[in-house]
Amino acid sequence: LLQSGEPDAAVAALRQAIQLEPNFPDAYNTLGNALSLLSRRRDASAEPRRASPPKSASSPLLPRVAGDRRERLAREAILSYRTALRLKPDHPHAYLNLGTALR
């Protein structure tokens, strides 16, 4: 959404992604970029600092939990891209991202 010139929609999607996965630093960084494009500089500079460092892999269950979370997020992403394509069938980034998510 950000690459296709829709920073408002990107902000909403990134905030939802952060709610689902608060330990995803790239989402905070991208949210900061989207807010910057909307001239919300103060908010933009705060977002990357909110990203928490990755948790240590001290638990043997952590990789499994992380894998389960990634699978759930991938399923949600696939559904989101398919919905976007139903709404706007000529959206090239949605096709690209759907293809990536299906890998």
PDB file of N, CA and C in Angstrom:
ATOM      1  N   LEU A   1       0.821  -1.192   0.000  1.00  0.00           N
ATOM      2  CA  LEU A   1       0.000   0.000   0.000  1.00  0.00           C
ATOM      3  C   LEU A   1       0.864   1.254   0.000  1.00  0.00           C
ATOM      4  N   LEU A   2       1.929   1.200   0.750  1.00  0.00           N
ATOM      5  CA  LEU A   2       2.819   2.356   0.806  1.00  0.00           C
ATOM      6  C   LEU A   2       3.469   2.589  -0.554  1.00  0.00           C
ATOM      7  N   GLN A   3       3.907   1.507  -1.201  1.00  0.00           N
ATOM      8  CA  GLN A   3       4.549   1.622  -2.509  1.00  0.00           C
ATOM      9  C   GLN A   3       3.570   2.068  -3.591  1.00  0.00           C
ATOM     10  N   SER A   4       2.291   1.805  -3.393  1.00  0.00           N
ATOM     11  CA  SER A   4       1.309   2.192  -4.406  1.00  0.00           C
ATOM     12  C   SER A   4       0.702   3.563  -4.108  1.00  0.00           C
ATOM     13  N   GLY A   5       1.338   4.306  -3.196  1.00  0.00           N
ATOM     14  CA  GLY A   5       0.912   5.678  -2.944  1.00  0.00           C
ATOM     15  C   GLY A   5      -0.311   5.814  -2.069  1.00  0.00           C
ATOM     16  N   GLU A   6      -0.514   4.866  -1.174  1.00  0.00           N
ATOM     17  CA  GLU A   6      -1.655   4.913  -0.272  1.00  0.00           C
ATOM     18  C   GLU A   6      -1.176   4.900   1.186  1.00  0.00           C
ATOM     19  N   PRO A   7      -0.504   5.975   1.638  1.00  0.00           N
ATOM     20  CA  PRO A   7       0.063   5.958   2.996  1.00  0.00           C
ATOM     21  C   PRO A   7      -1.001   5.869   4.092  1.00  0.00           C
ATOM     22  N   ASP A   8      -2.190   6.452   3.884  1.00  0.00           N
ATOM     23  CA  ASP A   8      -3.240   6.346   4.905  1.00  0.00           C
ATOM     24  C   ASP A   8      -3.657   4.897   5.112  1.00  0.00           C
ATOM     25  N   ALA A   9      -3.859   4.185   4.007  1.00  0.00           N
ATOM     26  CA  ALA A   9      -4.231   2.770   4.094  1.00  0.00           C
ATOM     27  C   ALA A   9      -3.079   1.950   4.675  1.00  0.00           C
ATOM     28  N   ALA A  10      -1.848   2.323   4.321  1.00  0.00           N
ATOM     29  CA  ALA A  10      -0.688   1.612   4.859  1.00  0.00           C
ATOM     30  C   ALA A  10      -0.603   1.775   6.371  1.00  0.00           C
ATOM     31  N   VAL A  11      -0.856   2.982   6.866  1.00  0.00           N
ATOM     32  CA  VAL A  11      -0.821   3.224   8.312  1.00  0.00           C
ATOM     33  C   VAL A  11      -1.831   2.323   9.014  1.00  0.00           C
ATOM     34  N   ALA A  12      -3.039   2.253   8.485  1.00  0.00           N
ATOM     35  CA  ALA A  12      -4.078   1.411   9.111  1.00  0.00           C
ATOM     36  C   ALA A  12      -3.673  -0.056   9.097  1.00  0.00           C
ATOM     37  N   ALA A  13      -3.161  -0.529   7.966  1.00  0.00           N
ATOM     38  CA  ALA A  13      -2.757  -1.936   7.856  1.00  0.00           C
ATOM     39  C   ALA A  13      -1.576  -2.248   8.770  1.00  0.00           C
ATOM     40  N   LEU A  14      -0.626  -1.332   8.854  1.00  0.00           N
ATOM     41  CA  LEU A  14       0.539  -1.560   9.707  1.00  0.00           C
ATOM     42  C   LEU A  14       0.171  -1.549  11.182  1.00  0.00           C
ATOM     43  N   ARG A  15      -0.730  -0.677  11.563  1.00  0.00           N
ATOM     44  CA  ARG A  15      -1.176  -0.674  12.968  1.00  0.00           C
ATOM     45  C   ARG A  15      -1.851  -2.001  13.313  1.00  0.00           C
ATOM     46  N   GLN A  16      -2.623  -2.543  12.372  1.00  0.00           N
ATOM     47  CA  GLN A  16      -3.263  -3.844  12.602  1.00  0.00           C
ATOM     48  C   GLN A  16      -2.196  -4.944  12.682  1.00  0.00           C
ATOM     49  N   ALA A  17      -1.209  -4.881  11.810  1.00  0.00           N
ATOM     50  CA  ALA A  17      -0.132  -5.876  11.840  1.00  0.00           C
ATOM     51  C   ALA A  17       0.620  -5.832  13.169  1.00  0.00           C
ATOM     52  N   ILE A  18       0.857  -4.635  13.678  1.00  0.00           N
ATOM     53  CA  ILE A  18       1.566  -4.483  14.957  1.00  0.00           C
ATOM     54  C   ILE A  18       0.726  -5.032  16.106  1.00  0.00           C
ATOM     55  N   GLN A  19      -0.592  -4.870  16.017  1.00  0.00           N
ATOM     56  CA  GLN A  19      -1.460  -5.451  17.058  1.00  0.00           C
ATOM     57  C   GLN A  19      -1.348  -6.966  17.040  1.00  0.00           C
ATOM     58  N   LEU A  20      -1.296  -7.559  15.848  1.00  0.00           N
ATOM     59  CA  LEU A  20      -1.205  -9.015  15.731  1.00  0.00           C
ATOM     60  C   LEU A  20       0.172  -9.532  16.108  1.00  0.00           C
ATOM     61  N   GLU A  21       1.198  -8.763  15.762  1.00  0.00           N
ATOM     62  CA  GLU A  21       2.578  -9.180  16.014  1.00  0.00           C
ATOM     63  C   GLU A  21       3.396  -7.997  16.503  1.00  0.00           C
ATOM     64  N   PRO A  22       3.330  -7.708  17.818  1.00  0.00           N
ATOM     65  CA  PRO A  22       4.028  -6.530  18.346  1.00  0.00           C
ATOM     66  C   PRO A  22       5.557  -6.621  18.292  1.00  0.00           C
ATOM     67  N   ASN A  23       6.108  -7.796  18.089  1.00  0.00           N
ATOM     68  CA  ASN A  23       7.562  -7.958  18.022  1.00  0.00           C
ATOM     69  C   ASN A  23       8.040  -8.068  16.579  1.00  0.00           C
ATOM     70  N   PHE A  24       7.564  -7.174  15.714  1.00  0.00           N
ATOM     71  CA  PHE A  24       7.915  -7.178  14.297  1.00  0.00           C
ATOM     72  C   PHE A  24       8.493  -5.811  13.945  1.00  0.00           C
ATOM     73  N   PRO A  25       9.815  -5.635  14.162  1.00  0.00           N
ATOM     74  CA  PRO A  25      10.433  -4.318  13.997  1.00  0.00           C
ATOM     75  C   PRO A  25      10.213  -3.687  12.624  1.00  0.00           C
ATOM     76  N   ASP A  26      10.175  -4.492  11.565  1.00  0.00           N
ATOM     77  CA  ASP A  26       9.981  -3.928  10.228  1.00  0.00           C
ATOM     78  C   ASP A  26       8.643  -3.200  10.116  1.00  0.00           C
ATOM     79  N   ALA A  27       7.631  -3.694  10.807  1.00  0.00           N
ATOM     80  CA  ALA A  27       6.322  -3.026  10.757  1.00  0.00           C
ATOM     81  C   ALA A  27       6.412  -1.633  11.382  1.00  0.00           C
ATOM     82  N   TYR A  28       7.131  -1.513  12.482  1.00  0.00           N
ATOM     83  CA  TYR A  28       7.297  -0.202  13.118  1.00  0.00           C
ATOM     84  C   TYR A  28       8.064   0.756  12.210  1.00  0.00           C
ATOM     85  N   ASN A  29       9.124   0.238  11.567  1.00  0.00           N
ATOM     86  CA  ASN A  29       9.918   1.080  10.679  1.00  0.00           C
ATOM     87  C   ASN A  29       9.106   1.539   9.478  1.00  0.00           C
ATOM     88  N   THR A  30       8.352   0.616   8.889  1.00  0.00           N
ATOM     89  CA  THR A  30       7.532   0.970   7.731  1.00  0.00           C
ATOM     90  C   THR A  30       6.423   1.930   8.141  1.00  0.00           C
ATOM     91  N   LEU A  31       5.862   1.727   9.327  1.00  0.00           N
ATOM     92  CA  LEU A  31       4.844   2.658   9.836  1.00  0.00           C
ATOM     93  C   LEU A  31       5.452   4.052   9.983  1.00  0.00           C
ATOM     94  N   GLY A  32       6.659   4.125  10.471  1.00  0.00           N
ATOM     95  CA  GLY A  32       7.336   5.422  10.573  1.00  0.00           C
ATOM     96  C   GLY A  32       7.489   6.082   9.210  1.00  0.00           C
ATOM     97  N   ASN A  33       7.830   5.288   8.193  1.00  0.00           N
ATOM     98  CA  ASN A  33       7.951   5.827   6.836  1.00  0.00           C
ATOM     99  C   ASN A  33       6.607   6.342   6.324  1.00  0.00           C
ATOM    100  N   ALA A  34       5.537   5.577   6.560  1.00  0.00           N
ATOM    101  CA  ALA A  34       4.210   5.991   6.101  1.00  0.00           C
ATOM    102  C   ALA A  34       3.774   7.281   6.794  1.00  0.00           C
ATOM    103  N   LEU A  35       4.011   7.371   8.094  1.00  0.00           N
ATOM    104  CA  LEU A  35       3.644   8.582   8.831  1.00  0.00           C
ATOM    105  C   LEU A  35       4.455   9.784   8.349  1.00  0.00           C
ATOM    106  N   SER A  36       5.701   9.539   7.992  1.00  0.00           N
ATOM    107  CA  SER A  36       6.543  10.609   7.473  1.00  0.00           C
ATOM    108  C   SER A  36       5.992  11.138   6.152  1.00  0.00           C
ATOM    109  N   LEU A  37       5.518  10.232   5.298  1.00  0.00           N
ATOM    110  CA  LEU A  37       4.915  10.657   4.030  1.00  0.00           C
ATOM    111  C   LEU A  37       3.658  11.495   4.251  1.00  0.00           C
ATOM    112  N   LEU A  38       3.003  11.274   5.384  1.00  0.00           N
ATOM    113  CA  LEU A  38       1.799  12.039   5.716  1.00  0.00           C
ATOM    114  C   LEU A  38       2.147  13.306   6.496  1.00  0.00           C
ATOM    115  N   SER A  39       3.440  13.639   6.553  1.00  0.00           N
ATOM    116  CA  SER A  39       3.942  14.828   7.275  1.00  0.00           C
ATOM    117  C   SER A  39       3.658  14.768   8.762  1.00  0.00           C
ATOM    118  N   ARG A  40       3.591  13.571   9.312  1.00  0.00           N
ATOM    119  CA  ARG A  40       3.403  13.390  10.756  1.00  0.00           C
ATOM    120  C   ARG A  40       4.762  13.001  11.336  1.00  0.00           C
ATOM    121  N   ARG A  41       5.703  13.930  11.276  1.00  0.00           N
ATOM    122  CA  ARG A  41       7.097  13.665  11.621  1.00  0.00           C
ATOM    123  C   ARG A  41       7.306  13.212  13.069  1.00  0.00           C
ATOM    124  N   ARG A  42       6.599  13.825  14.001  1.00  0.00           N
ATOM    125  CA  ARG A  42       6.788  13.443  15.404  1.00  0.00           C
ATOM    126  C   ARG A  42       6.372  11.988  15.615  1.00  0.00           C
ATOM    127  N   ASP A  43       5.209  11.628  15.088  1.00  0.00           N
ATOM    128  CA  ASP A  43       4.755  10.239  15.179  1.00  0.00           C
ATOM    129  C   ASP A  43       5.711   9.314  14.436  1.00  0.00           C
ATOM    130  N   ALA A  44       6.171   9.782  13.268  1.00  0.00           N
ATOM    131  CA  ALA A  44       7.055   8.963  12.436  1.00  0.00           C
ATOM    132  C   ALA A  44       8.350   8.626  13.159  1.00  0.00           C
ATOM    133  N   SER A  45       8.921   9.579  13.873  1.00  0.00           N
ATOM    134  CA  SER A  45      10.201   9.317  14.540  1.00  0.00           C
ATOM    135  C   SER A  45      10.034   8.436  15.771  1.00  0.00           C
ATOM    136  N   ALA A  46       8.838   8.383  16.335  1.00  0.00           N
ATOM    137  CA  ALA A  46       8.612   7.578  17.539  1.00  0.00           C
ATOM    138  C   ALA A  46       8.423   6.096  17.221  1.00  0.00           C
ATOM    139  N   GLU A  47       7.864   5.778  16.074  1.00  0.00           N
ATOM    140  CA  GLU A  47       7.517   4.384  15.779  1.00  0.00           C
ATOM    141  C   GLU A  47       8.697   3.425  15.764  1.00  0.00           C
ATOM    142  N   PRO A  48       9.789   3.717  15.064  1.00  0.00           N
ATOM    143  CA  PRO A  48      10.904   2.758  15.073  1.00  0.00           C
ATOM    144  C   PRO A  48      11.456   2.490  16.470  1.00  0.00           C
ATOM    145  N   ARG A  49      11.354   3.478  17.376  1.00  0.00           N
ATOM    146  CA  ARG A  49      11.852   3.273  18.742  1.00  0.00           C
ATOM    147  C   ARG A  49      10.944   2.360  19.552  1.00  0.00           C
ATOM    148  N   ARG A  50       9.679   2.206  19.121  1.00  0.00           N
ATOM    149  CA  ARG A  50       8.745   1.342  19.847  1.00  0.00           C
ATOM    150  C   ARG A  50       9.012  -0.133  19.595  1.00  0.00           C
ATOM    151  N   ALA A  51       9.748  -0.429  18.532  1.00  0.00           N
ATOM    152  CA  ALA A  51      10.036  -1.829  18.203  1.00  0.00           C
ATOM    153  C   ALA A  51      10.884  -2.443  19.308  1.00  0.00           C
ATOM    154  N   SER A  52      10.428  -3.538  19.834  1.00  0.00           N
ATOM    155  CA  SER A  52      11.196  -4.205  20.884  1.00  0.00           C
ATOM    156  C   SER A  52      12.202  -5.146  20.242  1.00  0.00           C
ATOM    157  N   PRO A  53      13.338  -5.329  20.891  1.00  0.00           N
ATOM    158  CA  PRO A  53      14.338  -6.241  20.341  1.00  0.00           C
ATOM    159  C   PRO A  53      13.805  -7.671  20.357  1.00  0.00           C
ATOM    160  N   PRO A  54      14.276  -8.510  19.444  1.00  0.00           N
ATOM    161  CA  PRO A  54      13.800  -9.889  19.418  1.00  0.00           C
ATOM    162  C   PRO A  54      14.099 -10.598  20.730  1.00  0.00           C
ATOM    163  N   LYS A  55      13.199 -11.466  21.117  1.00  0.00           N
ATOM    164  CA  LYS A  55      13.378 -12.227  22.349  1.00  0.00           C
ATOM    165  C   LYS A  55      14.442 -13.300  22.136  1.00  0.00           C
ATOM    166  N   SER A  56      15.138 -13.637  23.202  1.00  0.00           N
ATOM    167  CA  SER A  56      16.174 -14.656  23.085  1.00  0.00           C
ATOM    168  C   SER A  56      15.529 -16.017  22.859  1.00  0.00           C
ATOM    169  N   ALA A  57      16.263 -16.866  22.215  1.00  0.00           N
ATOM    170  CA  ALA A  57      15.752 -18.205  21.911  1.00  0.00           C
ATOM    171  C   ALA A  57      16.107 -19.171  23.034  1.00  0.00           C
ATOM    172  N   SER A  58      15.843 -18.789  24.265  1.00  0.00           N
ATOM    173  CA  SER A  58      16.215 -19.637  25.390  1.00  0.00           C
ATOM    174  C   SER A  58      15.245 -20.798  25.561  1.00  0.00           C
ATOM    175  N   SER A  59      14.030 -20.671  25.096  1.00  0.00           N
ATOM    176  CA  SER A  59      13.052 -21.731  25.230  1.00  0.00           C
ATOM    177  C   SER A  59      13.058 -22.616  23.988  1.00  0.00           C
ATOM    178  N   PRO A  60      13.056 -23.951  24.168  1.00  0.00           N
ATOM    179  CA  PRO A  60      13.017 -24.828  22.990  1.00  0.00           C
ATOM    180  C   PRO A  60      11.694 -24.716  22.238  1.00  0.00           C
ATOM    181  N   LEU A  61      10.646 -24.200  22.877  1.00  0.00           N
ATOM    182  CA  LEU A  61       9.353 -24.067  22.214  1.00  0.00           C
ATOM    183  C   LEU A  61       9.251 -22.792  21.381  1.00  0.00           C
ATOM    184  N   LEU A  62      10.150 -21.849  21.612  1.00  0.00           N
ATOM    185  CA  LEU A  62      10.064 -20.563  20.928  1.00  0.00           C
ATOM    186  C   LEU A  62      10.072 -20.693  19.409  1.00  0.00           C
ATOM    187  N   PRO A  63      10.969 -21.484  18.799  1.00  0.00           N
ATOM    188  CA  PRO A  63      10.916 -21.601  17.339  1.00  0.00           C
ATOM    189  C   PRO A  63       9.586 -22.143  16.831  1.00  0.00           C
ATOM    190  N   ARG A  64       9.013 -23.090  17.560  1.00  0.00           N
ATOM    191  CA  ARG A  64       7.723 -23.656  17.147  1.00  0.00           C
ATOM    192  C   ARG A  64       6.625 -22.616  17.241  1.00  0.00           C
ATOM    193  N   VAL A  65       6.607 -21.851  18.333  1.00  0.00           N
ATOM    194  CA  VAL A  65       5.606 -20.797  18.510  1.00  0.00           C
ATOM    195  C   VAL A  65       5.767 -19.744  17.422  1.00  0.00           C
ATOM    196  N   ALA A  66       7.012 -19.362  17.145  1.00  0.00           N
ATOM    197  CA  ALA A  66       7.260 -18.370  16.098  1.00  0.00           C
ATOM    198  C   ALA A  66       6.809 -18.900  14.743  1.00  0.00           C
ATOM    199  N   GLY A  67       7.054 -20.170  14.476  1.00  0.00           N
ATOM    200  CA  GLY A  67       6.617 -20.770  13.217  1.00  0.00           C
ATOM    201  C   GLY A  67       5.104 -20.789  13.097  1.00  0.00           C
ATOM    202  N   ASP A  68       4.422 -21.134  14.189  1.00  0.00           N
ATOM    203  CA  ASP A  68       2.957 -21.126  14.189  1.00  0.00           C
ATOM    204  C   ASP A  68       2.436 -19.724  13.928  1.00  0.00           C
ATOM    205  N   ARG A  69       3.053 -18.733  14.538  1.00  0.00           N
ATOM    206  CA  ARG A  69       2.626 -17.344  14.366  1.00  0.00           C
ATOM    207  C   ARG A  69       2.841 -16.900  12.923  1.00  0.00           C
ATOM    208  N   ARG A  70       3.986 -17.278  12.341  1.00  0.00           N
ATOM    209  CA  ARG A  70       4.269 -16.921  10.946  1.00  0.00           C
ATOM    210  C   ARG A  70       3.237 -17.544  10.010  1.00  0.00           C
ATOM    211  N   GLU A  71       2.882 -18.815  10.271  1.00  0.00           N
ATOM    212  CA  GLU A  71       1.879 -19.477   9.435  1.00  0.00           C
ATOM    213  C   GLU A  71       0.531 -18.764   9.540  1.00  0.00           C
ATOM    214  N   ARG A  72       0.137 -18.382  10.740  1.00  0.00           N
ATOM    215  CA  ARG A  72      -1.136 -17.683  10.940  1.00  0.00           C
ATOM    216  C   ARG A  72      -1.122 -16.342  10.213  1.00  0.00           C
ATOM    217  N   LEU A  73      -0.013 -15.602  10.345  1.00  0.00           N
ATOM    218  CA  LEU A  73       0.102 -14.312   9.663  1.00  0.00           C
ATOM    219  C   LEU A  73       0.107 -14.480   8.149  1.00  0.00           C
ATOM    220  N   ALA A  74       0.745 -15.546   7.663  1.00  0.00           N
ATOM    221  CA  ALA A  74       0.762 -15.795   6.215  1.00  0.00           C
ATOM    222  C   ALA A  74      -0.650 -16.086   5.715  1.00  0.00           C
ATOM    223  N   ARG A  75      -1.410 -16.890   6.459  1.00  0.00           N
ATOM    224  CA  ARG A  75      -2.806 -17.170   6.061  1.00  0.00           C
ATOM    225  C   ARG A  75      -3.615 -15.885   6.029  1.00  0.00           C
ATOM    226  N   GLU A  76      -3.424 -15.039   7.050  1.00  0.00           N
ATOM    227  CA  GLU A  76      -4.155 -13.765   7.093  1.00  0.00           C
ATOM    228  C   GLU A  76      -3.745 -12.861   5.938  1.00  0.00           C
ATOM    229  N   ALA A  77      -2.460 -12.855   5.615  1.00  0.00           N
ATOM    230  CA  ALA A  77      -1.973 -12.027   4.499  1.00  0.00           C
ATOM    231  C   ALA A  77      -2.585 -12.498   3.189  1.00  0.00           C
ATOM    232  N   ILE A  78      -2.621 -13.808   2.981  1.00  0.00           N
ATOM    233  CA  ILE A  78      -3.198 -14.358   1.759  1.00  0.00           C
ATOM    234  C   ILE A  78      -4.655 -13.943   1.623  1.00  0.00           C
ATOM    235  N   LEU A  79      -5.404 -14.062   2.710  1.00  0.00           N
ATOM    236  CA  LEU A  79      -6.806 -13.634   2.677  1.00  0.00           C
ATOM    237  C   LEU A  79      -6.929 -12.146   2.376  1.00  0.00           C
ATOM    238  N   SER A  80      -6.065 -11.341   2.969  1.00  0.00           N
ATOM    239  CA  SER A  80      -6.103  -9.892   2.744  1.00  0.00           C
ATOM    240  C   SER A  80      -5.796  -9.544   1.292  1.00  0.00           C
ATOM    241  N   TYR A  81      -4.765 -10.185   0.719  1.00  0.00           N
ATOM    242  CA  TYR A  81      -4.417  -9.892  -0.672  1.00  0.00           C
ATOM    243  C   TYR A  81      -5.533 -10.346  -1.613  1.00  0.00           C
ATOM    244  N   ARG A  82      -6.138 -11.482  -1.338  1.00  0.00           N
ATOM    245  CA  ARG A  82      -7.250 -11.940  -2.191  1.00  0.00           C
ATOM    246  C   ARG A  82      -8.436 -10.981  -2.101  1.00  0.00           C
ATOM    247  N   THR A  83      -8.693 -10.472  -0.906  1.00  0.00           N
ATOM    248  CA  THR A  83      -9.763  -9.480  -0.744  1.00  0.00           C
ATOM    249  C   THR A  83      -9.428  -8.214  -1.519  1.00  0.00           C
ATOM    250  N   ALA A  84      -8.188  -7.766  -1.415  1.00  0.00           N
ATOM    251  CA  ALA A  84      -7.767  -6.565  -2.146  1.00  0.00           C
ATOM    252  C   ALA A  84      -7.939  -6.758  -3.649  1.00  0.00           C
ATOM    253  N   LEU A  85      -7.627  -7.954  -4.137  1.00  0.00           N
ATOM    254  CA  LEU A  85      -7.745  -8.205  -5.572  1.00  0.00           C
ATOM    255  C   LEU A  85      -9.203  -8.307  -6.018  1.00  0.00           C
ATOM    256  N   ARG A  86     -10.082  -8.752  -5.135  1.00  0.00           N
ATOM    257  CA  ARG A  86     -11.516  -8.736  -5.476  1.00  0.00           C
ATOM    258  C   ARG A  86     -12.000  -7.300  -5.604  1.00  0.00           C
ATOM    259  N   LEU A  87     -11.477  -6.420  -4.741  1.00  0.00           N
ATOM    260  CA  LEU A  87     -11.885  -5.020  -4.769  1.00  0.00           C
ATOM    261  C   LEU A  87     -11.225  -4.252  -5.911  1.00  0.00           C
ATOM    262  N   LYS A  88      -9.984  -4.600  -6.208  1.00  0.00           N
ATOM    263  CA  LYS A  88      -9.249  -3.897  -7.268  1.00  0.00           C
ATOM    264  C   LYS A  88      -8.417  -4.921  -8.043  1.00  0.00           C
ATOM    265  N   PRO A  89      -9.036  -5.587  -9.021  1.00  0.00           N
ATOM    266  CA  PRO A  89      -8.375  -6.696  -9.714  1.00  0.00           C
ATOM    267  C   PRO A  89      -7.130  -6.312 -10.509  1.00  0.00           C
ATOM    268  N   ASP A  90      -6.906  -5.030 -10.760  1.00  0.00           N
ATOM    269  CA  ASP A  90      -5.745  -4.624 -11.546  1.00  0.00           C
ATOM    270  C   ASP A  90      -4.606  -4.077 -10.678  1.00  0.00           C
ATOM    271  N   HIS A  91      -4.550  -4.477  -9.408  1.00  0.00           N
ATOM    272  CA  HIS A  91      -3.537  -3.969  -8.480  1.00  0.00           C
ATOM    273  C   HIS A  91      -2.296  -4.867  -8.538  1.00  0.00           C
ATOM    274  N   PRO A  92      -1.211  -4.421  -9.230  1.00  0.00           N
ATOM    275  CA  PRO A  92      -0.049  -5.292  -9.423  1.00  0.00           C
ATOM    276  C   PRO A  92       0.669  -5.670  -8.133  1.00  0.00           C
ATOM    277  N   HIS A  93       0.734  -4.760  -7.166  1.00  0.00           N
ATOM    278  CA  HIS A  93       1.440  -5.079  -5.912  1.00  0.00           C
ATOM    279  C   HIS A  93       0.703  -6.150  -5.126  1.00  0.00           C
ATOM    280  N   ALA A  94      -0.614  -6.156  -5.201  1.00  0.00           N
ATOM    281  CA  ALA A  94      -1.374  -7.193  -4.503  1.00  0.00           C
ATOM    282  C   ALA A  94      -1.060  -8.560  -5.102  1.00  0.00           C
ATOM    283  N   TYR A  95      -0.936  -8.638  -6.437  1.00  0.00           N
ATOM    284  CA  TYR A  95      -0.569  -9.910  -7.067  1.00  0.00           C
ATOM    285  C   TYR A  95       0.833 -10.338  -6.651  1.00  0.00           C
ATOM    286  N   LEU A  96       1.747  -9.403  -6.661  1.00  0.00           N
ATOM    287  CA  LEU A  96       3.121  -9.706  -6.272  1.00  0.00           C
ATOM    288  C   LEU A  96       3.189 -10.200  -4.827  1.00  0.00           C
ATOM    289  N   ASN A  97       2.510  -9.487  -3.933  1.00  0.00           N
ATOM    290  CA  ASN A  97       2.543  -9.873  -2.519  1.00  0.00           C
ATOM    291  C   ASN A  97       1.808 -11.185  -2.273  1.00  0.00           C
ATOM    292  N   LEU A  98       0.720 -11.417  -3.010  1.00  0.00           N
ATOM    293  CA  LEU A  98       0.010 -12.699  -2.869  1.00  0.00           C
ATOM    294  C   LEU A  98       0.923 -13.836  -3.298  1.00  0.00           C
ATOM    295  N   GLY A  99       1.607 -13.649  -4.410  1.00  0.00           N
ATOM    296  CA  GLY A  99       2.532 -14.685  -4.877  1.00  0.00           C
ATOM    297  C   GLY A  99       3.622 -14.971  -3.860  1.00  0.00           C
ATOM    298  N   THR A 100       4.138 -13.928  -3.245  1.00  0.00           N
ATOM    299  CA  THR A 100       5.173 -14.097  -2.227  1.00  0.00           C
ATOM    300  C   THR A 100       4.615 -14.836  -1.013  1.00  0.00           C
ATOM    301  N   ALA A 101       3.412 -14.487  -0.596  1.00  0.00           N
ATOM    302  CA  ALA A 101       2.808 -15.115   0.581  1.00  0.00           C
ATOM    303  C   ALA A 101       2.474 -16.585   0.321  1.00  0.00           C
ATOM    304  N   LEU A 102       2.184 -16.940  -0.910  1.00  0.00           N
ATOM    305  CA  LEU A 102       1.832 -18.318  -1.240  1.00  0.00           C
ATOM    306  C   LEU A 102       3.047 -19.238  -1.322  1.00  0.00           C
ATOM    307  N   ARG A 103       4.243 -18.685  -1.348  1.00  0.00           N
ATOM    308  CA  ARG A 103       5.449 -19.522  -1.439  1.00  0.00           C
ATOM    309  C   ARG A 103       5.637 -20.378  -0.237  1.00  0.00           C
TER     310      ARG A 103
END
